[in-house]
N, C-alpha and C. Protein backbone atom coordinates (compact mmCIF):
# COMPACT_ATOMS: atom_id res chain seq x y z
N MET A 1 152.84 90.99 103.23
CA MET A 1 152.11 91.70 104.28
C MET A 1 151.06 90.69 104.83
N ASP A 2 150.99 90.54 106.09
CA ASP A 2 150.04 89.75 106.70
C ASP A 2 148.77 90.56 107.00
N GLY A 3 147.59 89.84 107.09
CA GLY A 3 146.38 90.62 107.34
C GLY A 3 145.22 89.62 107.68
N ILE A 4 144.13 90.19 107.97
CA ILE A 4 142.88 89.49 108.30
C ILE A 4 141.74 89.95 107.44
N PHE A 5 141.01 89.04 106.88
CA PHE A 5 139.82 89.42 106.15
C PHE A 5 138.56 88.98 107.05
N ILE A 6 137.61 89.90 107.19
CA ILE A 6 136.39 89.57 107.93
C ILE A 6 135.24 89.69 106.96
N GLY A 7 134.54 88.61 106.85
CA GLY A 7 133.32 88.70 105.89
C GLY A 7 132.20 89.35 106.66
N CYS A 8 131.39 90.04 105.98
CA CYS A 8 130.27 90.77 106.63
C CYS A 8 129.09 90.73 105.61
N VAL A 9 127.85 90.64 106.17
CA VAL A 9 126.62 90.57 105.42
C VAL A 9 125.80 91.70 105.96
N PHE A 10 125.13 92.48 105.02
CA PHE A 10 124.29 93.53 105.45
C PHE A 10 122.98 93.41 104.67
N ASN A 11 121.89 93.33 105.46
CA ASN A 11 120.50 93.23 104.88
C ASN A 11 120.07 94.60 104.40
N HIS A 12 119.60 94.65 103.18
CA HIS A 12 119.07 95.94 102.57
C HIS A 12 117.73 96.37 103.17
N ALA A 13 117.11 95.46 103.96
CA ALA A 13 115.97 95.90 104.71
C ALA A 13 116.27 96.75 105.87
N ILE A 14 117.47 96.64 106.26
CA ILE A 14 117.98 97.42 107.52
C ILE A 14 118.69 98.75 107.09
N GLY A 15 119.39 98.65 106.02
CA GLY A 15 120.14 99.92 105.61
C GLY A 15 120.51 99.78 104.16
N ASP A 16 121.16 100.91 103.64
CA ASP A 16 121.59 100.97 102.26
C ASP A 16 123.03 100.82 102.17
N GLY A 17 123.57 100.88 100.95
CA GLY A 17 124.97 100.74 100.69
C GLY A 17 125.81 101.85 101.37
N THR A 18 125.29 103.06 101.39
CA THR A 18 126.04 104.08 102.00
C THR A 18 126.21 103.86 103.53
N SER A 19 125.11 103.49 104.21
CA SER A 19 125.24 103.24 105.63
C SER A 19 126.24 102.00 105.86
N TYR A 20 126.23 101.01 104.93
CA TYR A 20 127.14 99.90 105.11
C TYR A 20 128.55 100.41 105.01
N TRP A 21 128.92 101.22 104.14
CA TRP A 21 130.26 101.70 103.99
C TRP A 21 130.61 102.65 105.19
N MET A 22 129.72 103.41 105.64
CA MET A 22 129.95 104.31 106.73
C MET A 22 130.25 103.47 107.98
N PHE A 23 129.50 102.30 108.17
CA PHE A 23 129.80 101.41 109.26
C PHE A 23 131.19 100.86 109.13
N PHE A 24 131.56 100.32 107.92
CA PHE A 24 132.85 99.75 107.72
C PHE A 24 133.94 100.73 107.92
N ASN A 25 133.79 101.94 107.52
CA ASN A 25 134.85 102.98 107.66
C ASN A 25 134.95 103.38 109.13
N ALA A 26 133.82 103.44 109.85
CA ALA A 26 133.88 103.75 111.26
C ALA A 26 134.63 102.60 112.00
N TRP A 27 134.39 101.39 111.67
CA TRP A 27 134.94 100.24 112.25
C TRP A 27 136.51 100.30 112.03
N ALA A 28 136.87 100.66 110.81
CA ALA A 28 138.32 100.80 110.52
C ALA A 28 138.99 101.86 111.26
N GLU A 29 138.31 103.05 111.44
CA GLU A 29 138.88 104.15 112.13
C GLU A 29 139.09 103.73 113.61
N ILE A 30 138.12 102.99 114.18
CA ILE A 30 138.29 102.56 115.58
C ILE A 30 139.40 101.64 115.73
N ALA A 31 139.53 100.67 114.79
CA ALA A 31 140.69 99.69 114.80
C ALA A 31 142.00 100.45 114.70
N ARG A 32 142.13 101.39 113.79
CA ARG A 32 143.38 102.15 113.64
C ARG A 32 143.65 102.93 114.89
N CYS A 33 142.77 103.56 115.50
CA CYS A 33 142.95 104.32 116.78
C CYS A 33 143.49 103.42 117.83
N LYS A 34 142.80 102.17 117.95
CA LYS A 34 143.10 101.22 119.06
C LYS A 34 144.53 100.70 118.75
N ALA A 35 144.94 100.47 117.49
CA ALA A 35 146.14 99.92 117.12
C ALA A 35 147.29 100.95 117.44
N THR A 36 147.08 102.12 117.30
CA THR A 36 148.11 103.18 117.52
C THR A 36 148.10 103.80 118.92
N GLY A 37 147.10 103.36 119.72
CA GLY A 37 146.99 103.85 121.04
C GLY A 37 146.41 105.25 121.16
N ASN A 38 145.88 105.80 120.09
CA ASN A 38 145.18 107.09 120.10
C ASN A 38 143.78 107.00 120.65
N GLU A 39 143.25 108.12 121.00
CA GLU A 39 141.81 108.18 121.46
C GLU A 39 140.92 108.06 120.21
N VAL A 40 139.88 107.28 120.41
CA VAL A 40 139.03 107.01 119.28
C VAL A 40 138.16 108.24 119.00
N SER A 41 138.18 108.79 117.76
CA SER A 41 137.36 109.83 117.34
C SER A 41 137.01 109.53 115.89
N LEU A 42 135.67 109.49 115.68
CA LEU A 42 135.15 109.21 114.33
C LEU A 42 134.90 110.42 113.51
N SER A 43 135.26 110.31 112.19
CA SER A 43 135.00 111.50 111.37
C SER A 43 133.51 111.66 111.04
N TRP A 44 132.81 110.52 111.01
CA TRP A 44 131.30 110.65 110.83
C TRP A 44 130.66 109.92 111.97
N LEU A 45 129.85 110.59 112.70
CA LEU A 45 129.18 109.93 113.80
C LEU A 45 127.95 109.22 113.34
N PRO A 46 127.64 108.06 113.88
CA PRO A 46 126.46 107.36 113.44
C PRO A 46 125.13 108.06 113.89
N VAL A 47 124.15 107.91 112.99
CA VAL A 47 122.78 108.40 113.34
C VAL A 47 121.88 107.24 113.79
N HIS A 48 121.33 107.40 114.93
CA HIS A 48 120.50 106.35 115.48
C HIS A 48 119.00 106.81 115.60
N ASP A 49 118.72 107.96 114.97
CA ASP A 49 117.29 108.40 114.98
C ASP A 49 116.38 107.58 114.13
N ARG A 50 115.25 107.34 114.51
CA ARG A 50 114.18 106.68 113.67
C ARG A 50 113.38 107.85 113.20
N TRP A 51 113.14 107.84 111.87
CA TRP A 51 112.28 108.86 111.27
C TRP A 51 111.64 108.39 109.97
N PHE A 52 110.63 109.14 109.52
CA PHE A 52 109.94 108.79 108.33
C PHE A 52 110.04 110.02 107.30
N ILE A 53 110.05 109.74 106.08
CA ILE A 53 110.20 110.79 105.09
C ILE A 53 109.01 111.75 105.26
N GLY A 54 109.25 113.06 105.12
CA GLY A 54 108.24 114.04 105.22
C GLY A 54 107.89 114.37 106.70
N GLY A 55 108.68 113.90 107.72
CA GLY A 55 108.49 114.32 109.03
C GLY A 55 107.25 113.67 109.73
N TYR A 56 106.76 112.59 109.19
CA TYR A 56 105.68 112.00 109.83
C TYR A 56 106.07 111.53 111.29
N GLU A 57 105.15 111.65 112.24
CA GLU A 57 105.48 111.27 113.65
C GLU A 57 105.22 109.72 113.75
N GLU A 58 104.26 109.22 113.00
CA GLU A 58 104.06 107.75 112.93
C GLU A 58 104.26 107.22 111.58
N PRO A 59 104.27 105.92 111.47
CA PRO A 59 104.35 105.29 110.06
C PRO A 59 103.25 105.80 109.13
N PRO A 60 103.57 106.23 107.91
CA PRO A 60 102.51 106.73 106.94
C PRO A 60 101.57 105.66 106.53
N ILE A 61 101.85 104.39 106.63
CA ILE A 61 100.97 103.36 106.26
C ILE A 61 100.57 102.53 107.49
N LYS A 62 99.29 102.36 107.65
CA LYS A 62 98.80 101.49 108.80
C LYS A 62 98.46 100.14 108.24
N LEU A 63 99.00 99.10 108.89
CA LEU A 63 98.57 97.70 108.44
C LEU A 63 97.42 97.24 109.22
N SER A 64 96.60 96.45 108.59
CA SER A 64 95.35 96.04 109.21
C SER A 64 95.49 94.76 110.04
N TYR A 65 96.57 94.63 110.78
CA TYR A 65 96.85 93.52 111.58
C TYR A 65 96.88 93.86 113.04
N SER A 66 96.37 93.02 113.91
CA SER A 66 96.42 93.38 115.29
C SER A 66 97.66 92.78 116.00
N SER A 67 98.23 91.78 115.39
CA SER A 67 99.45 91.10 115.90
C SER A 67 100.41 90.76 114.83
N PRO A 68 101.74 90.84 115.11
CA PRO A 68 102.69 90.50 114.08
C PRO A 68 102.50 89.01 113.71
N ALA A 69 102.00 88.08 114.60
CA ALA A 69 101.85 86.71 114.26
C ALA A 69 100.86 86.52 113.08
N GLU A 70 100.07 87.55 112.78
CA GLU A 70 99.14 87.42 111.64
C GLU A 70 99.81 87.56 110.27
N PHE A 71 100.96 88.19 110.24
CA PHE A 71 101.65 88.42 109.00
C PHE A 71 103.09 87.85 108.90
N ILE A 72 103.58 87.38 109.98
CA ILE A 72 105.01 86.78 110.07
C ILE A 72 104.76 85.31 109.97
N VAL A 73 105.41 84.66 108.96
CA VAL A 73 105.37 83.23 108.85
C VAL A 73 106.77 82.67 109.06
N ARG A 74 106.85 81.86 110.08
CA ARG A 74 108.17 81.28 110.38
C ARG A 74 108.55 80.09 109.40
N PHE A 75 109.77 80.03 109.11
CA PHE A 75 110.16 79.00 108.12
C PHE A 75 110.19 77.60 108.86
N ALA A 76 109.59 76.63 108.20
CA ALA A 76 109.48 75.28 108.77
C ALA A 76 110.36 74.43 107.85
N PRO A 77 111.54 74.03 108.30
CA PRO A 77 112.45 73.31 107.49
C PRO A 77 111.90 71.90 107.20
N PRO A 78 112.26 71.38 105.96
CA PRO A 78 111.78 70.06 105.65
C PRO A 78 112.41 69.08 106.47
N PRO A 79 111.87 67.84 106.58
CA PRO A 79 112.52 66.80 107.44
C PRO A 79 113.93 66.49 107.04
N LEU A 80 114.69 66.27 107.98
CA LEU A 80 116.13 65.99 107.69
C LEU A 80 116.25 64.62 107.06
N ARG A 81 116.93 64.57 105.92
CA ARG A 81 117.21 63.26 105.27
C ARG A 81 118.66 62.95 105.35
N GLU A 82 119.01 61.72 105.61
CA GLU A 82 120.40 61.43 105.75
C GLU A 82 120.74 60.30 104.84
N ARG A 83 121.93 60.33 104.32
CA ARG A 83 122.43 59.25 103.41
C ARG A 83 123.67 58.67 103.97
N MET A 84 123.70 57.49 103.94
CA MET A 84 124.95 56.71 104.40
C MET A 84 125.52 56.02 103.20
N PHE A 85 126.90 56.13 103.10
CA PHE A 85 127.59 55.48 102.00
C PHE A 85 128.55 54.49 102.68
N HIS A 86 128.46 53.32 102.23
CA HIS A 86 129.44 52.26 102.80
C HIS A 86 130.26 51.72 101.61
N PHE A 87 131.57 51.75 101.81
CA PHE A 87 132.56 51.23 100.80
C PHE A 87 133.30 50.10 101.41
N SER A 88 133.48 49.13 100.64
CA SER A 88 134.26 47.97 101.04
C SER A 88 135.76 48.31 101.08
N ASN A 89 136.56 47.54 101.71
CA ASN A 89 137.98 47.86 101.73
C ASN A 89 138.53 47.88 100.29
N GLY A 90 138.11 46.97 99.49
CA GLY A 90 138.66 46.87 98.06
C GLY A 90 138.19 48.17 97.29
N THR A 91 136.97 48.64 97.47
CA THR A 91 136.62 49.85 96.80
C THR A 91 137.29 50.95 97.23
N LEU A 92 137.56 51.18 98.62
CA LEU A 92 138.34 52.21 99.08
C LEU A 92 139.83 52.19 98.55
N ALA A 93 140.37 51.06 98.40
CA ALA A 93 141.70 50.89 97.89
C ALA A 93 141.73 51.37 96.46
N GLU A 94 140.73 51.09 95.61
CA GLU A 94 140.63 51.53 94.29
C GLU A 94 140.50 53.05 94.20
N LEU A 95 139.66 53.63 95.08
CA LEU A 95 139.44 55.04 95.03
C LEU A 95 140.67 55.80 95.44
N LYS A 96 141.42 55.21 96.43
CA LYS A 96 142.61 55.85 96.87
C LYS A 96 143.75 55.79 95.82
N ALA A 97 143.84 54.68 95.05
CA ALA A 97 144.76 54.49 94.02
C ALA A 97 144.45 55.58 92.93
N THR A 98 143.18 55.70 92.62
CA THR A 98 142.79 56.64 91.55
C THR A 98 143.10 58.08 91.98
N ALA A 99 142.80 58.37 93.21
CA ALA A 99 143.13 59.69 93.76
C ALA A 99 144.67 60.00 93.78
N ASN A 100 145.42 58.95 94.16
CA ASN A 100 146.90 59.12 94.14
C ASN A 100 147.41 59.35 92.75
N GLN A 101 146.89 58.69 91.72
CA GLN A 101 147.36 58.90 90.30
C GLN A 101 146.97 60.39 89.91
N GLU A 102 145.85 60.78 90.19
CA GLU A 102 145.37 62.12 89.73
C GLU A 102 145.87 63.35 90.53
N CYS A 103 145.97 63.14 91.84
CA CYS A 103 146.27 64.31 92.67
C CYS A 103 147.55 64.13 93.49
N GLY A 104 148.07 63.06 93.58
CA GLY A 104 149.27 62.86 94.52
C GLY A 104 148.89 62.13 95.73
N LYS A 105 149.46 62.40 96.88
CA LYS A 105 149.30 61.53 98.07
C LYS A 105 147.92 61.74 98.60
N CYS A 106 147.18 60.66 98.97
CA CYS A 106 145.87 60.72 99.48
C CYS A 106 145.77 59.82 100.72
N THR A 107 145.17 60.34 101.68
CA THR A 107 145.01 59.50 102.99
C THR A 107 143.58 59.22 103.24
N THR A 108 143.25 58.01 103.63
CA THR A 108 141.89 57.64 103.96
C THR A 108 141.91 57.16 105.41
N PHE A 109 140.78 57.33 106.08
CA PHE A 109 140.62 56.82 107.45
C PHE A 109 139.51 55.81 107.41
N ASN A 110 139.88 54.60 107.71
CA ASN A 110 138.80 53.53 107.77
C ASN A 110 138.29 53.39 109.21
N LEU A 111 137.00 53.53 109.38
CA LEU A 111 136.44 53.40 110.78
C LEU A 111 135.76 52.08 110.82
């Protein structure tokens, strides 16, 4: 049987495992309906309401920041380091011979 696997990442700051599986099941239902030519109808409709536990109208905790820039720290990547390896033709021939002995046919591209 042929098929396709799609990898997916879900951040737990956005949702929980239940909402992850509800999303995946909804996606599968949509795909099945489209494949059979049927009208799309989901068994569980998604909930897009924002709410807080206990019926709070506003967030229950107030942060003492006036701007998100005060508490969001952007990642600064370290400087890029690069390594160059140079092999002589003789060394490449030895490596290729060793690889051919251990793994079978090996191809190298000399630039």
